[in-house]
């Protein structure tokens, strides 16, 4: 059932009506000149007092009647203060900033009796302490901590904080706060390469060094690398302790460069978190140098041509020597035949028979006739003999030159001179023996040619004899 506003206040509609009527009667009695009163004086005089008492009785009874009506309880206040039962820290500051050489003293409070609880911290930096009984944080930021490297500037130290009931282990609070140290004294950080500021290298060499950083108040976070000449095949330095490695090619120094060297400037720019910069410059003087891989290939190629020409000369010498040997055998046969006829004619001339004596007289003439035939069939091989001697001497000289100009190690400093010497000797020999036919192909191997050329019989034949 829905209540009216009058019932909520304790009065009914009837009670209000009675009160209103009583008020009208009183007005009529009090105001003497009221027009209606003149007509009603005679009839209402007797009943006025009774009517008044009746209305007063009814008005007095109305409140008691209204109090018997059912009422509802008063509304509950939503802002009523509740009891604080959950353990919590009242004044926890999540972030502390401390200047170097200053102190921190901060007392933490909880919403319960602190005598029944104890405090603890974890992962705390060096020097930070807490009173386990009353939660007092204390710290003295001494400069020695930072100089020794135990603490760092502008580094967020996250400290775990906790408070626990001594009687109930389950009643505890675990939280954390951040601690940062700063200083107004700025110690600059520097970029420090592990080499001197000036280097001298040659083409083909490899330069390698480490780029280190000397940390100050704010460490260097990144390094930018610049050079005055575009570089190829070099390592890029991006942070501290990175290695720089580079090898200049053999065409790095141009012919137009003065003093046959080129200056290379390497700039290492270190940047910290506040974009403060520090630059380290390394000057590298690159000198012109011989391209040893290319020079070695050229030497090997020249040496191969040189050795191949020696083998060709040896084959030509073998052919000439065999030809001389054949000519010598032919001439020896003619000489033996001439001597035999002369000796046979002398022996037959002493015979007692006339016919035999006549044959003995003719035979010496036959021997004399064989002499021009010998010169025609097997002339004296003076040209071949001289050519063979010349070729043999050239071979000996070239072999000695090849041995004398062999390389001493992988990086012989005289490799260019030795290559030029072999080329000159080869060209000179080719000009000297230009009239001697050289066969490009032969049916003898290198071992067979060397065995024939160095045989004792051939060495004895072409050995120089001392004149008496």
Protein backbone atom coordinates (compact mmCIF):
# COMPACT_ATOMS: atom_id res chain seq x y z
CA UNK A 1 0.00 0.00 0.00
CA UNK A 2 1.30 3.44 -1.00
CA UNK A 3 1.30 6.06 1.76
CA UNK A 4 0.19 9.65 1.22
CA UNK A 5 2.32 12.56 2.29
CA UNK A 6 -0.11 13.34 5.11
CA UNK A 7 0.13 9.87 6.60
CA UNK A 8 3.96 10.01 6.60
CA UNK A 9 3.71 13.18 8.72
CA UNK A 10 1.32 11.58 11.39
CA UNK A 11 -1.94 13.54 10.44
CA UNK A 12 -4.97 12.38 8.39
CA UNK A 13 -7.09 14.37 5.99
CA UNK A 14 -9.99 14.46 8.54
CA UNK A 15 -7.85 16.02 11.20
CA UNK A 16 -6.83 18.80 8.92
CA UNK A 17 -10.45 19.47 8.00
CA UNK A 18 -11.41 19.84 11.68
CA UNK A 19 -8.64 22.24 12.35
CA UNK A 20 -9.65 24.30 9.35
CA UNK A 21 -13.30 24.51 10.57
CA UNK A 22 -12.23 25.57 14.07
CA UNK A 23 -10.24 28.34 12.58
CA UNK A 24 -13.33 29.70 10.72
CA UNK A 25 -15.47 29.72 13.91
CA UNK A 26 -12.80 31.59 15.81
CA UNK A 27 -12.66 34.18 13.10
CA UNK A 28 -16.41 34.73 13.24
CA UNK A 29 -16.25 35.18 16.99
CA UNK A 30 -13.36 37.55 16.95
CA UNK A 31 -14.42 39.85 14.14
CA UNK A 32 -17.53 41.75 15.31
CA UNK A 33 -18.38 43.51 12.04
CA UNK A 34 -18.39 40.49 9.88
CA UNK A 35 -21.67 40.48 7.78
CA UNK A 36 -22.58 36.91 8.30
CA UNK A 37 -22.26 37.18 12.06
CA UNK A 38 -25.22 39.56 12.41
CA UNK A 39 -27.64 37.06 10.97
CA UNK A 40 -26.38 34.09 12.89
CA UNK A 41 -25.89 35.53 16.37
CA UNK A 42 -29.11 34.27 17.77
CA UNK A 43 -28.80 30.77 16.45
CA UNK A 44 -25.16 30.02 17.03
CA UNK A 45 -24.53 31.48 20.44
CA UNK A 46 -25.43 28.37 22.31
CA UNK A 47 -23.76 25.89 20.15
CA UNK A 48 -20.50 27.76 19.61
CA UNK A 49 -18.93 26.59 22.79
CA UNK A 50 -20.04 22.99 22.31
CA UNK A 51 -18.84 23.00 18.77
CA UNK A 52 -15.47 24.33 19.77
CA UNK A 53 -14.99 21.64 22.41
CA UNK A 54 -16.10 18.99 19.96
CA UNK A 55 -13.59 20.08 17.34
CA UNK A 56 -10.81 20.31 19.87
CA UNK A 57 -11.52 16.76 21.02
CA UNK A 58 -11.52 15.45 17.53
CA UNK A 59 -8.29 17.23 16.70
CA UNK A 60 -6.62 15.80 19.78
CA UNK A 61 -7.79 12.30 18.88
CA UNK A 62 -6.53 12.45 15.34
CA UNK A 63 -2.79 12.23 16.16
CA UNK A 64 -3.26 9.15 18.26
CA UNK A 65 -5.23 7.56 15.46
CA UNK A 66 -2.55 8.30 12.93
CA UNK A 67 0.13 6.84 15.19
CA UNK A 68 -1.56 3.47 15.02
CA UNK A 69 -0.94 3.34 11.27
CA UNK A 70 1.99 1.11 10.09
CA UNK A 71 5.29 2.98 9.54
CA UNK A 72 8.57 2.12 7.70
CA UNK A 73 12.11 2.25 9.19
CA UNK A 74 14.17 5.36 8.41
CA UNK A 75 16.51 5.13 5.37
CA UNK A 76 20.10 3.97 5.91
CA UNK A 77 22.87 6.59 5.56
CA UNK A 78 25.15 5.51 2.63
CA UNK A 79 28.04 7.66 3.90
CA UNK A 80 28.27 5.83 7.20
CA UNK A 81 31.96 5.17 8.18
CA UNK A 82 32.96 1.51 7.82
CA UNK A 83 35.51 -0.26 9.95
CA UNK A 84 39.09 -0.33 8.40
CA UNK A 85 40.14 -4.00 8.64
CA UNK A 86 42.48 -4.56 5.58
CA UNK A 87 46.18 -4.05 6.22
CA UNK A 88 47.62 -1.23 4.10
CA UNK A 89 50.43 1.32 4.08
CA UNK A 90 49.08 4.81 4.47
CA UNK A 91 51.92 7.02 3.21
CA UNK A 92 53.85 4.95 0.66
CA UNK A 93 55.66 7.14 -1.89
CA UNK A 94 56.23 5.15 -5.10
CA UNK A 95 59.19 7.25 -6.25
CA UNK A 96 62.18 8.71 -4.38
CA UNK A 97 64.79 11.03 -5.92
CA UNK A 98 67.96 11.53 -3.90
CA UNK A 99 70.87 13.88 -4.53
CA UNK A 100 74.38 12.55 -4.03
CA UNK A 101 75.90 13.26 -0.61
CA UNK A 102 72.40 13.68 0.85
CA UNK A 103 70.40 11.52 3.25
CA UNK A 104 66.92 9.99 3.23
CA UNK A 105 64.74 9.47 6.31
CA UNK A 106 61.15 8.45 5.66
CA UNK A 107 58.86 6.68 8.13
CA UNK A 108 56.21 4.38 6.69
CA UNK A 109 52.86 4.03 8.49
CA UNK A 110 50.15 1.37 8.48
CA UNK A 111 46.48 1.46 9.52
CA UNK A 112 46.96 -0.93 12.42
CA UNK A 113 48.97 -1.25 15.57
CA UNK A 114 52.63 -1.27 14.37
CA UNK A 115 53.78 -3.23 17.42
CA UNK A 116 52.35 -6.43 15.92
CA UNK A 117 54.08 -6.07 12.54
CA UNK A 118 57.60 -6.02 11.14
CA UNK A 119 59.06 -4.41 7.95
CA UNK A 120 61.50 -5.78 5.36
CA UNK A 121 62.96 -4.81 1.96
CA UNK A 122 64.44 -6.80 -0.94
CA UNK A 123 66.76 -5.90 -3.87
CA UNK A 124 67.81 -2.75 -2.09
CA UNK A 125 70.82 -0.72 -3.34
CA UNK A 126 73.94 -0.41 -1.24
CA UNK A 127 73.33 1.65 1.91
CA UNK A 128 69.49 1.57 1.98
CA UNK A 129 68.10 0.32 5.31
CA UNK A 130 64.69 -0.04 7.01
CA UNK A 131 63.85 -0.35 10.69
CA UNK A 132 61.97 -3.62 11.02
CA UNK A 133 59.99 -2.36 14.03
CA UNK A 134 58.72 1.06 12.96
CA UNK A 135 59.25 1.09 9.13
CA UNK A 136 61.77 3.95 9.07
CA UNK A 137 63.63 4.11 5.71
CA UNK A 138 67.12 5.57 5.96
CA UNK A 139 69.87 6.09 3.39
CA UNK A 140 73.06 8.10 3.09
CA UNK A 141 74.05 8.65 -0.58
CA UNK A 142 77.81 8.86 -0.16
CA UNK A 143 79.83 9.83 -3.21
CA UNK A 144 82.22 6.91 -2.71
CA UNK A 145 79.44 4.50 -3.69
CA UNK A 146 79.25 6.11 -7.12
CA UNK A 147 82.99 6.48 -7.64
CA UNK A 148 83.50 2.80 -6.88
CA UNK A 149 80.75 1.79 -9.32
CA UNK A 150 78.45 0.27 -6.69
CA UNK A 151 75.74 2.84 -7.50
CA UNK A 152 74.84 4.66 -10.71
CA UNK A 153 73.29 7.99 -11.49
CA UNK A 154 69.90 8.19 -13.24
CA UNK A 155 69.29 4.49 -12.84
CA UNK A 156 65.93 3.24 -11.58
CA UNK A 157 66.51 0.99 -8.57
CA UNK A 158 63.30 -0.97 -7.90
CA UNK A 159 63.10 -1.89 -4.21
CA UNK A 160 60.62 -4.50 -2.99
CA UNK A 161 58.95 -3.51 0.31
CA UNK A 162 56.88 -5.65 2.64
CA UNK A 163 55.13 -5.57 6.04
CA UNK A 164 53.83 -8.71 7.82
CA UNK A 165 51.92 -9.61 10.94
CA UNK A 166 54.04 -11.33 13.57
CA UNK A 167 51.23 -13.65 14.61
CA UNK A 168 49.46 -14.23 11.28
CA UNK A 169 51.82 -14.88 8.33
CA UNK A 170 48.94 -14.56 5.87
CA UNK A 171 48.36 -10.92 6.82
CA UNK A 172 51.00 -9.06 4.89
CA UNK A 173 51.45 -6.40 2.21
CA UNK A 174 54.02 -6.66 -0.62
CA UNK A 175 54.69 -3.62 -2.76
CA UNK A 176 57.62 -1.71 -4.26
CA UNK A 177 59.01 1.75 -4.86
CA UNK A 178 61.66 3.24 -7.16
CA UNK A 179 64.84 4.97 -6.04
CA UNK A 180 66.84 7.28 -8.35
CA UNK A 181 70.08 9.13 -7.61
CA UNK A 182 71.19 12.30 -9.33
CA UNK A 183 74.00 14.79 -9.08
CA UNK A 184 74.59 18.36 -10.18
CA UNK A 185 78.30 17.67 -10.69
CA UNK A 186 78.68 16.48 -14.28
CA UNK A 187 81.66 14.23 -15.12
CA UNK A 188 81.83 13.95 -18.93
CA UNK A 189 82.16 10.60 -20.65
CA UNK A 190 84.80 10.11 -23.35
CA UNK A 191 85.31 7.85 -26.36
CA UNK A 192 88.70 6.10 -26.13
CA UNK A 193 90.02 4.05 -29.10
CA UNK A 194 92.66 1.52 -28.09
CA UNK A 195 95.18 2.94 -30.59
CA UNK A 196 97.01 6.23 -30.86
CA UNK A 197 95.49 9.14 -32.73
CA UNK A 198 97.94 8.71 -35.67
CA UNK A 199 98.57 5.43 -37.52
CA UNK A 200 100.74 4.54 -40.53
CA UNK A 201 99.84 1.50 -42.62
CA UNK A 202 100.40 0.24 -46.15
CA UNK A 203 97.99 -0.95 -48.76
CA UNK A 204 96.93 -4.52 -48.11
CA UNK A 205 97.53 -4.26 -44.35
CA UNK A 206 94.69 -4.69 -41.86
CA UNK A 207 94.01 -2.14 -39.13
CA UNK A 208 91.93 -3.37 -36.18
CA UNK A 209 91.24 -1.78 -32.82
CA UNK A 210 88.53 -1.56 -30.15
CA UNK A 211 86.54 1.59 -29.42
CA UNK A 212 86.15 1.83 -25.65
CA UNK A 213 84.31 4.40 -23.52
CA UNK A 214 85.38 6.17 -20.35
CA UNK A 215 82.15 6.44 -18.35
CA UNK A 216 81.33 9.64 -16.47
CA UNK A 217 78.12 10.83 -14.83
CA UNK A 218 76.08 9.81 -17.87
CA UNK A 219 77.48 6.84 -19.83
CA UNK A 220 77.68 6.89 -23.61
CA UNK A 221 74.76 4.94 -25.04
CA UNK A 222 75.56 4.96 -28.78
CA UNK A 223 78.43 5.77 -31.14
CA UNK A 224 78.21 7.22 -34.64
CA UNK A 225 81.05 6.63 -37.12
CA UNK A 226 82.16 9.02 -39.88
CA UNK A 227 85.10 9.11 -42.31
CA UNK A 228 86.34 11.64 -44.85
CA UNK A 229 86.55 8.94 -47.53
CA UNK A 230 83.86 6.32 -48.28
CA UNK A 231 85.08 2.96 -47.02
CA UNK A 232 84.28 -0.55 -48.18
CA UNK A 233 84.44 -3.80 -46.23
CA UNK A 234 84.83 -2.12 -42.85
CA UNK A 235 83.10 -3.03 -39.60
CA UNK A 236 80.58 -0.51 -38.25
CA UNK A 237 80.97 0.78 -34.69
CA UNK A 238 77.60 1.39 -32.98
CA UNK A 239 78.30 1.08 -29.25
CA UNK A 240 81.12 0.94 -26.75
CA UNK A 241 83.61 -1.96 -26.94
CA UNK A 242 82.86 -2.59 -30.63
CA UNK A 243 85.77 -3.51 -32.92
CA UNK A 244 86.75 -1.48 -35.98
CA UNK A 245 88.44 -3.52 -38.72
CA UNK A 246 89.43 -2.32 -42.17
CA UNK A 247 91.93 -3.30 -44.87
CA UNK A 248 92.77 -0.82 -47.65
CA UNK A 249 92.84 -2.22 -51.16
CA UNK A 250 95.95 -1.93 -53.34
CA UNK A 251 94.33 0.76 -55.46
CA UNK A 252 93.41 2.95 -52.47
CA UNK A 253 96.32 5.32 -53.06
CA UNK A 254 96.13 6.92 -56.49
CA UNK A 255 99.00 8.08 -58.62
CA UNK A 256 97.84 11.66 -58.20
CA UNK A 257 98.22 11.51 -54.40
CA UNK A 258 101.21 13.40 -53.07
CA UNK A 259 104.07 11.45 -51.51
CA UNK A 260 102.34 8.21 -52.57
CA UNK A 261 100.12 8.23 -49.48
CA UNK A 262 96.57 9.22 -48.51
CA UNK A 263 95.15 10.53 -45.22
CA UNK A 264 92.06 8.85 -43.78
CA UNK A 265 90.17 10.54 -40.91
CA UNK A 266 87.99 8.34 -38.68
CA UNK A 267 85.57 10.15 -36.35
CA UNK A 268 83.82 8.28 -33.53
CA UNK A 269 81.05 10.41 -31.97
CA UNK A 270 79.66 9.17 -28.66
CA UNK A 271 76.20 10.31 -27.48
CA UNK A 272 74.65 9.95 -24.02
CA UNK A 273 70.97 10.06 -23.00
CA UNK A 274 70.99 13.88 -22.98
CA UNK A 275 72.56 14.03 -26.47
CA UNK A 276 75.85 15.37 -25.13
CA UNK A 277 78.58 14.41 -27.60
CA UNK A 278 82.24 13.44 -27.37
CA UNK A 279 84.32 12.87 -30.49
CA UNK A 280 87.51 10.84 -30.94
CA UNK A 281 89.46 11.22 -34.20
CA UNK A 282 91.97 8.68 -35.54
CA UNK A 283 94.25 9.73 -38.42
CA UNK A 284 95.44 6.88 -40.64
CA UNK A 285 98.13 7.52 -43.26
CA UNK A 286 97.91 4.84 -45.96
CA UNK A 287 101.09 4.41 -48.00
CA UNK A 288 101.29 3.02 -51.49
CA UNK A 289 102.34 -0.61 -51.41
CA UNK A 290 102.89 -3.48 -53.78
CA UNK A 291 99.97 -5.73 -54.55
CA UNK A 292 101.65 -8.94 -53.44
CA UNK A 293 98.90 -11.32 -54.61
CA UNK A 294 98.98 -9.79 -58.07
CA UNK A 295 102.78 -9.54 -58.09
CA UNK A 296 103.05 -13.20 -57.04
CA UNK A 297 100.77 -14.26 -59.86
CA UNK A 298 102.84 -12.24 -62.32
CA UNK A 299 106.06 -13.77 -61.02
CA UNK A 300 104.65 -17.29 -61.29
CA UNK A 301 103.48 -16.62 -64.83
CA UNK A 302 106.89 -15.25 -65.84
CA UNK A 303 108.62 -18.17 -64.17
CA UNK A 304 106.45 -20.65 -66.07
CA UNK A 305 107.28 -19.00 -69.40
CA UNK A 306 110.92 -18.92 -68.41
CA UNK A 307 111.02 -22.62 -67.48
CA UNK A 308 109.11 -23.63 -70.59
CA UNK A 309 111.63 -21.80 -72.81
CA UNK A 310 114.49 -23.58 -71.02
CA UNK A 311 112.88 -26.93 -71.84
CA UNK A 312 112.50 -25.87 -75.46
CA UNK A 313 116.20 -24.97 -75.60
CA UNK A 314 117.11 -28.30 -74.05
CA UNK A 315 115.12 -30.13 -76.68
CA UNK A 316 116.87 -28.10 -79.42
CA UNK A 317 120.20 -28.95 -77.81
CA UNK A 318 119.34 -32.65 -77.78
CA UNK A 319 118.49 -32.57 -81.48
CA UNK A 320 121.72 -30.74 -82.35
CA UNK A 321 123.80 -33.05 -80.20
CA UNK A 322 122.32 -36.13 -81.84
CA UNK A 323 122.96 -34.62 -85.25
CA UNK A 324 126.57 -33.93 -84.31
CA UNK A 325 126.92 -37.47 -83.08
CA UNK A 326 125.58 -38.86 -86.39
CA UNK A 327 127.91 -36.62 -88.43
CA UNK A 328 130.85 -37.67 -86.32
CA UNK A 329 130.09 -41.34 -86.85
CA UNK A 330 129.80 -40.84 -90.62
CA UNK A 331 133.10 -38.97 -90.86
CA UNK A 332 134.77 -41.58 -88.69
CA UNK A 333 133.57 -44.29 -91.08
CA UNK A 334 135.05 -42.43 -94.04
CA UNK A 335 138.34 -41.87 -92.21
CA UNK A 336 138.59 -45.53 -91.30
CA UNK A 337 137.86 -46.51 -94.93
CA UNK A 338 140.53 -44.11 -96.23
CA UNK A 339 143.11 -45.41 -93.83
CA UNK A 340 142.23 -49.03 -94.61
CA UNK A 341 142.66 -48.57 -98.37
CA UNK A 342 145.97 -46.84 -97.90
CA UNK A 343 147.23 -49.55 -95.57
CA UNK A 344 145.89 -52.33 -97.81
CA UNK A 345 147.52 -50.83 -100.90
CA UNK A 346 150.89 -50.70 -99.18
CA UNK A 347 150.56 -54.32 -98.10
CA UNK A 348 149.51 -55.54 -101.56
CA UNK A 349 152.31 -53.62 -103.31
CA UNK A 350 154.86 -55.87 -101.64
CA UNK A 351 153.24 -58.97 -103.07
CA UNK A 352 155.22 -61.20 -105.60
CA UNK A 353 152.32 -61.38 -107.95
CA UNK A 354 152.00 -58.75 -110.57
CA UNK A 355 148.21 -58.50 -110.36
CA UNK A 356 148.27 -58.05 -106.61
CA UNK A 357 150.94 -55.41 -106.91
CA UNK A 358 148.78 -53.48 -109.36
CA UNK A 359 145.83 -53.59 -106.92
CA UNK A 360 148.11 -52.35 -104.17
CA UNK A 361 149.09 -49.41 -106.33
CA UNK A 362 145.43 -48.47 -106.99
CA UNK A 363 144.06 -48.72 -103.43
CA UNK A 364 145.77 -45.60 -102.06
CA UNK A 365 144.17 -43.59 -104.83
CA UNK A 366 140.78 -44.94 -103.79
CA UNK A 367 141.41 -43.76 -100.22
CA UNK A 368 142.32 -40.31 -101.49
CA UNK A 369 139.09 -40.24 -103.52
CA UNK A 370 137.00 -40.93 -100.35
CA UNK A 371 138.17 -37.66 -98.74
CA UNK A 372 136.02 -35.28 -100.91
CA UNK A 373 133.16 -37.74 -100.67
CA UNK A 374 133.39 -37.54 -96.85
CA UNK A 375 133.33 -33.77 -96.94
CA UNK A 376 130.32 -33.85 -99.19
CA UNK A 377 128.35 -36.48 -97.29
CA UNK A 378 129.32 -35.42 -93.76
CA UNK A 379 130.84 -31.95 -93.77
CA UNK A 380 132.51 -30.61 -90.68
CA UNK A 381 129.64 -29.54 -88.28
CA UNK A 382 131.17 -26.29 -87.12
CA UNK A 383 127.84 -24.38 -87.13
CA UNK A 384 125.99 -27.12 -85.32
CA UNK A 385 128.84 -27.45 -82.85
CA UNK A 386 128.84 -23.74 -82.11
CA UNK A 387 125.05 -23.64 -81.89
CA UNK A 388 124.96 -26.52 -79.45
CA UNK A 389 127.61 -24.87 -77.31
CA UNK A 390 125.75 -21.56 -77.40
CA UNK A 391 122.46 -23.19 -76.46
CA UNK A 392 124.05 -25.12 -73.65
CA UNK A 393 125.65 -21.97 -72.28
CA UNK A 394 122.31 -20.10 -72.50
CA UNK A 395 120.54 -22.90 -70.68
CA UNK A 396 123.11 -22.89 -67.89
CA UNK A 397 122.86 -19.10 -67.56
CA UNK A 398 119.06 -19.12 -67.49
CA UNK A 399 118.93 -21.86 -64.87
CA UNK A 400 121.31 -19.93 -62.68
CA UNK A 401 119.26 -16.74 -63.12
CA UNK A 402 116.05 -18.58 -62.23
CA UNK A 403 117.62 -20.01 -59.08
CA UNK A 404 119.15 -16.69 -58.09
CA UNK A 405 115.81 -14.86 -58.45
CA UNK A 406 113.58 -17.28 -56.57
CA UNK A 407 111.17 -15.82 -54.00
CA UNK A 408 112.09 -15.57 -50.33
CA UNK A 409 108.78 -16.16 -48.57
CA UNK A 410 105.26 -15.12 -49.45
CA UNK A 411 105.96 -11.37 -49.30
CA UNK A 412 109.36 -10.94 -50.88
CA UNK A 413 110.13 -7.20 -50.98
CA UNK A 414 112.19 -7.70 -54.17
CA UNK A 415 109.53 -9.63 -56.06
CA UNK A 416 109.13 -6.84 -58.62
CA UNK A 417 112.86 -6.68 -59.32
CA UNK A 418 113.15 -10.43 -59.62
CA UNK A 419 110.22 -10.59 -62.02
CA UNK A 420 111.77 -7.86 -64.15
CA UNK A 421 115.14 -9.69 -64.09
CA UNK A 422 113.56 -12.91 -65.38
CA UNK A 423 111.74 -11.02 -68.11
CA UNK A 424 114.95 -9.26 -69.23
CA UNK A 425 116.95 -12.49 -69.24
CA UNK A 426 114.27 -14.31 -71.22
CA UNK A 427 114.04 -11.53 -73.77
CA UNK A 428 117.83 -11.30 -74.13
CA UNK A 429 118.20 -15.05 -74.66
CA UNK A 430 115.39 -15.14 -77.20
CA UNK A 431 117.10 -12.36 -79.18
CA UNK A 432 120.49 -14.14 -78.96
CA UNK A 433 119.08 -17.45 -80.19
CA UNK A 434 116.66 -16.03 -82.68
CA UNK A 435 118.25 -17.99 -85.57
CA UNK A 436 117.95 -21.34 -83.82
CA UNK A 437 114.74 -23.16 -84.65
CA UNK A 438 112.67 -23.92 -81.56
CA UNK A 439 110.10 -26.70 -81.61
CA UNK A 440 106.92 -25.98 -79.67
CA UNK A 441 106.23 -29.67 -79.16
CA UNK A 442 108.51 -32.60 -78.45
CA UNK A 443 108.24 -36.26 -77.64
CA UNK A 444 110.40 -36.09 -74.54
CA UNK A 445 109.33 -35.33 -71.00
CA UNK A 446 110.99 -32.84 -68.70
CA UNK A 447 112.72 -35.62 -66.74
CA UNK A 448 114.13 -37.16 -69.93
CA UNK A 449 115.43 -33.81 -71.16
CA UNK A 450 117.09 -33.05 -67.83
CA UNK A 451 118.61 -36.52 -67.67
CA UNK A 452 120.08 -36.19 -71.16
CA UNK A 453 121.30 -32.64 -70.61
CA UNK A 454 122.98 -33.43 -67.30
CA UNK A 455 124.43 -36.81 -68.25
CA UNK A 456 128.16 -37.24 -67.54
CA UNK A 457 128.90 -38.08 -71.16
CA UNK A 458 127.36 -34.83 -72.44
CA UNK A 459 129.00 -32.79 -69.67
CA UNK A 460 132.39 -34.27 -70.58
CA UNK A 461 131.83 -33.57 -74.23
CA UNK A 462 131.05 -29.86 -73.75
CA UNK A 463 133.44 -29.25 -70.91
CA UNK A 464 135.99 -26.56 -71.52
CA UNK A 465 139.50 -27.93 -71.74
CA UNK A 466 142.54 -26.13 -70.46
CA UNK A 467 145.10 -25.25 -73.05
CA UNK A 468 148.57 -26.49 -72.39
